[in-house]
N, C-alpha and C. Protein backbone atom coordinates (compact mmCIF):
# COMPACT_ATOMS: atom_id res chain seq x y z
N THR A 1 61.18 50.10 134.96
CA THR A 1 60.22 51.15 135.30
C THR A 1 58.88 50.84 134.67
N THR A 2 57.84 51.37 135.23
CA THR A 2 56.50 51.18 134.69
C THR A 2 56.31 52.09 133.50
N ASP A 3 55.67 51.60 132.49
CA ASP A 3 55.45 52.33 131.26
C ASP A 3 54.12 53.08 131.36
N TYR A 4 54.18 54.40 131.56
CA TYR A 4 52.98 55.21 131.72
C TYR A 4 52.74 56.06 130.49
N SER A 5 51.51 56.41 130.28
CA SER A 5 51.13 57.29 129.19
C SER A 5 51.20 58.73 129.67
N SER A 6 51.49 59.65 128.80
CA SER A 6 51.51 61.07 129.18
C SER A 6 50.24 61.78 128.72
N GLU A 7 49.23 61.00 128.31
CA GLU A 7 48.00 61.59 127.81
C GLU A 7 47.21 62.32 128.89
N THR A 8 47.31 61.85 130.12
CA THR A 8 46.55 62.44 131.21
C THR A 8 47.52 63.01 132.24
N PRO A 9 47.91 64.29 132.12
CA PRO A 9 48.88 64.86 133.06
C PRO A 9 48.37 64.77 134.50
N GLY A 10 49.27 64.41 135.41
CA GLY A 10 48.91 64.33 136.81
C GLY A 10 48.20 63.04 137.19
N ARG A 11 47.96 62.18 136.26
CA ARG A 11 47.27 60.90 136.54
C ARG A 11 48.07 59.79 135.90
N ARG A 12 48.34 58.74 136.66
CA ARG A 12 49.08 57.60 136.13
C ARG A 12 48.14 56.70 135.35
N VAL A 13 48.39 56.59 134.07
CA VAL A 13 47.57 55.74 133.21
C VAL A 13 48.54 54.81 132.49
N LEU A 14 48.34 53.51 132.67
CA LEU A 14 49.20 52.56 132.00
C LEU A 14 49.01 52.66 130.50
N LYS A 15 50.05 52.44 129.74
CA LYS A 15 49.95 52.58 128.29
C LYS A 15 48.91 51.66 127.68
N ARG A 16 48.56 50.61 128.37
CA ARG A 16 47.53 49.72 127.86
C ARG A 16 46.15 50.35 128.02
N GLY A 17 46.08 51.58 128.54
CA GLY A 17 44.83 52.29 128.65
C GLY A 17 44.12 52.11 129.97
N MET A 18 44.73 51.42 130.92
CA MET A 18 44.08 51.16 132.20
C MET A 18 44.59 52.14 133.25
N ALA A 19 43.69 52.93 133.82
CA ALA A 19 44.06 53.86 134.88
C ALA A 19 44.08 53.13 136.21
N LEU A 20 44.93 53.58 137.10
CA LEU A 20 44.94 53.01 138.45
C LEU A 20 43.67 53.45 139.18
N PRO A 21 43.07 52.57 139.98
CA PRO A 21 41.89 52.98 140.77
C PRO A 21 42.25 54.13 141.71
N ASP A 22 41.30 55.02 141.95
CA ASP A 22 41.56 56.19 142.80
C ASP A 22 42.10 55.83 144.17
N VAL A 23 41.59 54.76 144.77
CA VAL A 23 42.04 54.38 146.11
C VAL A 23 43.53 54.03 146.11
N ILE A 24 44.04 53.51 145.01
CA ILE A 24 45.47 53.22 144.90
C ILE A 24 46.22 54.49 144.52
N GLU A 25 45.73 55.18 143.51
CA GLU A 25 46.37 56.40 143.02
C GLU A 25 46.61 57.42 144.13
N MET A 26 45.62 57.60 145.00
CA MET A 26 45.71 58.62 146.05
C MET A 26 46.59 58.20 147.21
N ASN A 27 47.03 56.94 147.23
CA ASN A 27 47.83 56.44 148.35
C ASN A 27 49.21 55.97 147.94
N LEU A 28 49.62 56.32 146.73
CA LEU A 28 50.97 55.99 146.28
C LEU A 28 51.93 57.12 146.63
N ALA A 29 53.14 56.74 146.96
CA ALA A 29 54.18 57.73 147.23
C ALA A 29 55.12 57.79 146.04
N ASP A 30 55.73 58.91 145.84
CA ASP A 30 56.74 59.07 144.80
C ASP A 30 58.05 58.53 145.36
N ILE A 31 58.58 57.47 144.77
CA ILE A 31 59.79 56.85 145.32
C ILE A 31 61.03 57.73 145.14
N ASP A 32 60.91 58.80 144.38
CA ASP A 32 62.03 59.74 144.23
C ASP A 32 62.05 60.77 145.36
N GLU A 33 60.98 60.81 146.18
CA GLU A 33 60.91 61.74 147.31
C GLU A 33 61.38 61.03 148.57
N PRO A 34 61.93 61.79 149.54
CA PRO A 34 62.38 61.15 150.79
C PRO A 34 61.22 60.47 151.53
N PHE A 35 61.53 59.36 152.17
CA PHE A 35 60.57 58.59 152.96
C PHE A 35 60.21 59.38 154.21
N THR A 36 58.93 59.40 154.57
CA THR A 36 58.51 60.08 155.80
C THR A 36 58.01 59.05 156.81
N GLU A 37 58.02 59.42 158.08
CA GLU A 37 57.64 58.53 159.17
C GLU A 37 56.19 58.06 159.10
N ASN A 38 55.31 58.84 158.49
CA ASN A 38 53.89 58.46 158.46
C ASN A 38 53.53 57.58 157.26
N GLU A 39 54.51 57.15 156.48
CA GLU A 39 54.26 56.28 155.34
C GLU A 39 54.53 54.83 155.73
N THR A 40 53.71 53.93 155.22
CA THR A 40 53.88 52.51 155.49
C THR A 40 54.16 51.81 154.17
N PRO A 41 55.34 51.20 154.05
CA PRO A 41 55.63 50.48 152.80
C PRO A 41 54.77 49.23 152.69
N LEU A 42 54.40 48.89 151.48
CA LEU A 42 53.59 47.72 151.21
C LEU A 42 54.27 46.93 150.12
N PHE A 43 54.42 45.64 150.34
CA PHE A 43 55.08 44.77 149.39
C PHE A 43 54.06 43.81 148.80
N PHE A 44 53.90 43.84 147.49
CA PHE A 44 53.03 42.90 146.80
C PHE A 44 53.87 41.71 146.37
N HIS A 45 53.52 40.52 146.81
CA HIS A 45 54.26 39.31 146.44
C HIS A 45 53.60 38.69 145.22
N VAL A 46 54.31 38.72 144.12
CA VAL A 46 53.84 38.09 142.89
C VAL A 46 54.54 36.73 142.80
N PRO A 47 53.79 35.61 142.84
CA PRO A 47 54.40 34.29 142.81
C PRO A 47 55.36 34.11 141.63
N LYS A 48 56.43 33.41 141.92
CA LYS A 48 57.47 33.06 140.93
C LYS A 48 58.20 34.28 140.38
N SER A 49 58.28 35.36 141.17
CA SER A 49 58.97 36.57 140.71
C SER A 49 60.13 36.95 141.63
N GLY A 50 60.51 36.05 142.54
CA GLY A 50 61.60 36.34 143.46
C GLY A 50 61.12 36.93 144.78
N GLY A 51 59.81 36.96 145.00
CA GLY A 51 59.26 37.57 146.21
C GLY A 51 59.66 36.86 147.49
N SER A 52 59.77 35.54 147.46
CA SER A 52 60.16 34.81 148.67
C SER A 52 61.59 35.18 149.07
N SER A 53 62.46 35.31 148.09
CA SER A 53 63.84 35.74 148.38
C SER A 53 63.85 37.15 148.94
N LEU A 54 63.00 38.01 148.40
CA LEU A 54 62.93 39.38 148.88
C LEU A 54 62.41 39.44 150.31
N LYS A 55 61.41 38.60 150.63
CA LYS A 55 60.89 38.56 152.00
C LYS A 55 61.99 38.11 152.97
N GLN A 56 62.80 37.13 152.57
CA GLN A 56 63.91 36.70 153.43
C GLN A 56 64.93 37.82 153.58
N TYR A 57 65.21 38.55 152.51
CA TYR A 57 66.14 39.68 152.58
C TYR A 57 65.63 40.73 153.56
N TYR A 58 64.34 41.08 153.46
CA TYR A 58 63.76 42.06 154.38
C TYR A 58 63.90 41.60 155.82
N GLY A 59 63.60 40.33 156.08
CA GLY A 59 63.61 39.83 157.45
C GLY A 59 64.99 39.59 158.02
N ILE A 60 65.87 38.95 157.25
CA ILE A 60 67.19 38.57 157.76
C ILE A 60 68.21 39.69 157.61
N CYS A 61 68.31 40.26 156.43
CA CYS A 61 69.33 41.27 156.17
C CYS A 61 68.95 42.66 156.68
N MET A 62 67.69 43.04 156.45
CA MET A 62 67.25 44.38 156.84
C MET A 62 66.66 44.42 158.25
N HIS A 63 66.47 43.25 158.87
CA HIS A 63 65.94 43.14 160.24
C HIS A 63 64.55 43.78 160.37
N LEU A 64 63.73 43.63 159.33
CA LEU A 64 62.37 44.16 159.36
C LEU A 64 61.40 43.08 159.83
N VAL A 65 60.33 43.49 160.42
CA VAL A 65 59.27 42.56 160.85
C VAL A 65 58.28 42.43 159.70
N THR A 66 57.91 41.19 159.38
CA THR A 66 57.02 40.91 158.27
C THR A 66 55.64 40.49 158.77
N ALA A 67 54.60 41.02 158.15
CA ALA A 67 53.24 40.56 158.43
C ALA A 67 52.83 39.67 157.27
N SER A 68 52.75 38.38 157.53
CA SER A 68 52.37 37.43 156.48
C SER A 68 51.81 36.17 157.12
N GLN A 69 51.39 35.23 156.27
CA GLN A 69 50.84 33.99 156.77
C GLN A 69 51.86 33.20 157.58
N ASN A 70 53.16 33.46 157.42
CA ASN A 70 54.18 32.74 158.18
C ASN A 70 54.05 32.99 159.68
N GLY A 71 53.61 34.17 160.06
CA GLY A 71 53.53 34.53 161.47
C GLY A 71 52.46 33.81 162.25
N ILE A 72 51.53 33.17 161.58
CA ILE A 72 50.43 32.51 162.29
C ILE A 72 50.80 31.07 162.67
N VAL A 73 51.85 30.51 162.05
CA VAL A 73 52.24 29.12 162.30
C VAL A 73 52.54 28.92 163.79
N GLY A 74 51.75 28.07 164.43
CA GLY A 74 51.90 27.81 165.85
C GLY A 74 51.27 28.87 166.74
N HIS A 75 50.64 29.86 166.14
CA HIS A 75 50.05 30.96 166.89
C HIS A 75 48.59 31.18 166.51
N GLU A 76 47.94 30.13 166.03
CA GLU A 76 46.56 30.23 165.55
C GLU A 76 45.59 30.68 166.64
N GLN A 77 45.90 30.37 167.89
CA GLN A 77 44.98 30.68 169.00
C GLN A 77 45.36 31.96 169.75
N ASP A 78 46.41 32.65 169.32
CA ASP A 78 46.83 33.88 170.01
C ASP A 78 45.68 34.89 169.99
N GLU A 79 45.52 35.60 171.09
CA GLU A 79 44.43 36.58 171.18
C GLU A 79 44.92 38.02 171.06
N GLU A 80 46.24 38.23 171.02
CA GLU A 80 46.75 39.59 170.80
C GLU A 80 47.91 39.54 169.82
N LEU A 81 48.11 40.67 169.15
CA LEU A 81 49.21 40.76 168.19
C LEU A 81 50.53 40.78 168.93
N GLN A 82 51.49 40.08 168.37
CA GLN A 82 52.84 40.10 168.92
C GLN A 82 53.83 39.74 167.82
N ILE A 83 55.07 40.05 168.06
CA ILE A 83 56.14 39.69 167.12
C ILE A 83 56.68 38.33 167.55
N VAL A 84 56.75 37.41 166.58
CA VAL A 84 57.19 36.05 166.85
C VAL A 84 58.33 35.68 165.91
N HIS A 85 59.16 34.75 166.36
CA HIS A 85 60.24 34.21 165.53
C HIS A 85 59.78 32.85 165.02
N ILE A 86 59.76 32.66 163.70
CA ILE A 86 59.33 31.40 163.10
C ILE A 86 60.43 30.94 162.15
N PRO A 87 61.09 29.80 162.42
CA PRO A 87 61.06 29.01 163.65
C PRO A 87 61.68 29.80 164.80
N PRO A 88 61.47 29.33 166.04
CA PRO A 88 61.91 30.10 167.22
C PRO A 88 63.38 30.52 167.20
N GLU A 89 64.26 29.69 166.61
CA GLU A 89 65.69 30.02 166.58
C GLU A 89 66.07 30.92 165.40
N SER A 90 65.08 31.28 164.59
CA SER A 90 65.31 32.08 163.39
C SER A 90 65.56 33.55 163.70
N GLN A 91 66.25 34.21 162.79
CA GLN A 91 66.43 35.66 162.86
C GLN A 91 65.22 36.40 162.32
N GLN A 92 64.38 35.69 161.56
CA GLN A 92 63.22 36.34 160.95
C GLN A 92 62.12 36.54 161.96
N ARG A 93 61.55 37.77 161.95
CA ARG A 93 60.48 38.10 162.86
C ARG A 93 59.21 38.37 162.06
N PHE A 94 58.09 37.89 162.59
CA PHE A 94 56.79 38.03 161.94
C PHE A 94 55.79 38.53 162.96
N VAL A 95 54.74 39.19 162.46
CA VAL A 95 53.59 39.51 163.29
C VAL A 95 52.65 38.31 163.18
N ASN A 96 52.05 37.90 164.28
CA ASN A 96 51.20 36.70 164.28
C ASN A 96 49.83 36.97 163.68
N VAL A 97 49.81 37.27 162.39
CA VAL A 97 48.56 37.51 161.66
C VAL A 97 48.54 36.65 160.40
N ASP A 98 47.36 36.52 159.83
CA ASP A 98 47.22 35.79 158.56
C ASP A 98 46.40 36.63 157.62
């Protein structure tokens, strides 16, 4: 869990004294509350932290579509967004964006 300070009630302040920027603070969801249809999950990939394995889990096991640099491979000239399989025989689906 993230280590927060209780000095500022109602505001997440990291114990190191750094507050989250308002644009992030105002757009975070409480993970203890039920997920709603109008929320979009966002995954931050931190290199060397297991993120590549997690992206494969999302794509292969959870059957989710991923928007990442992988989706642009072979689709650099596409003029509209679409879901692509990279490689074509793969179970993983990507949006053709970078």
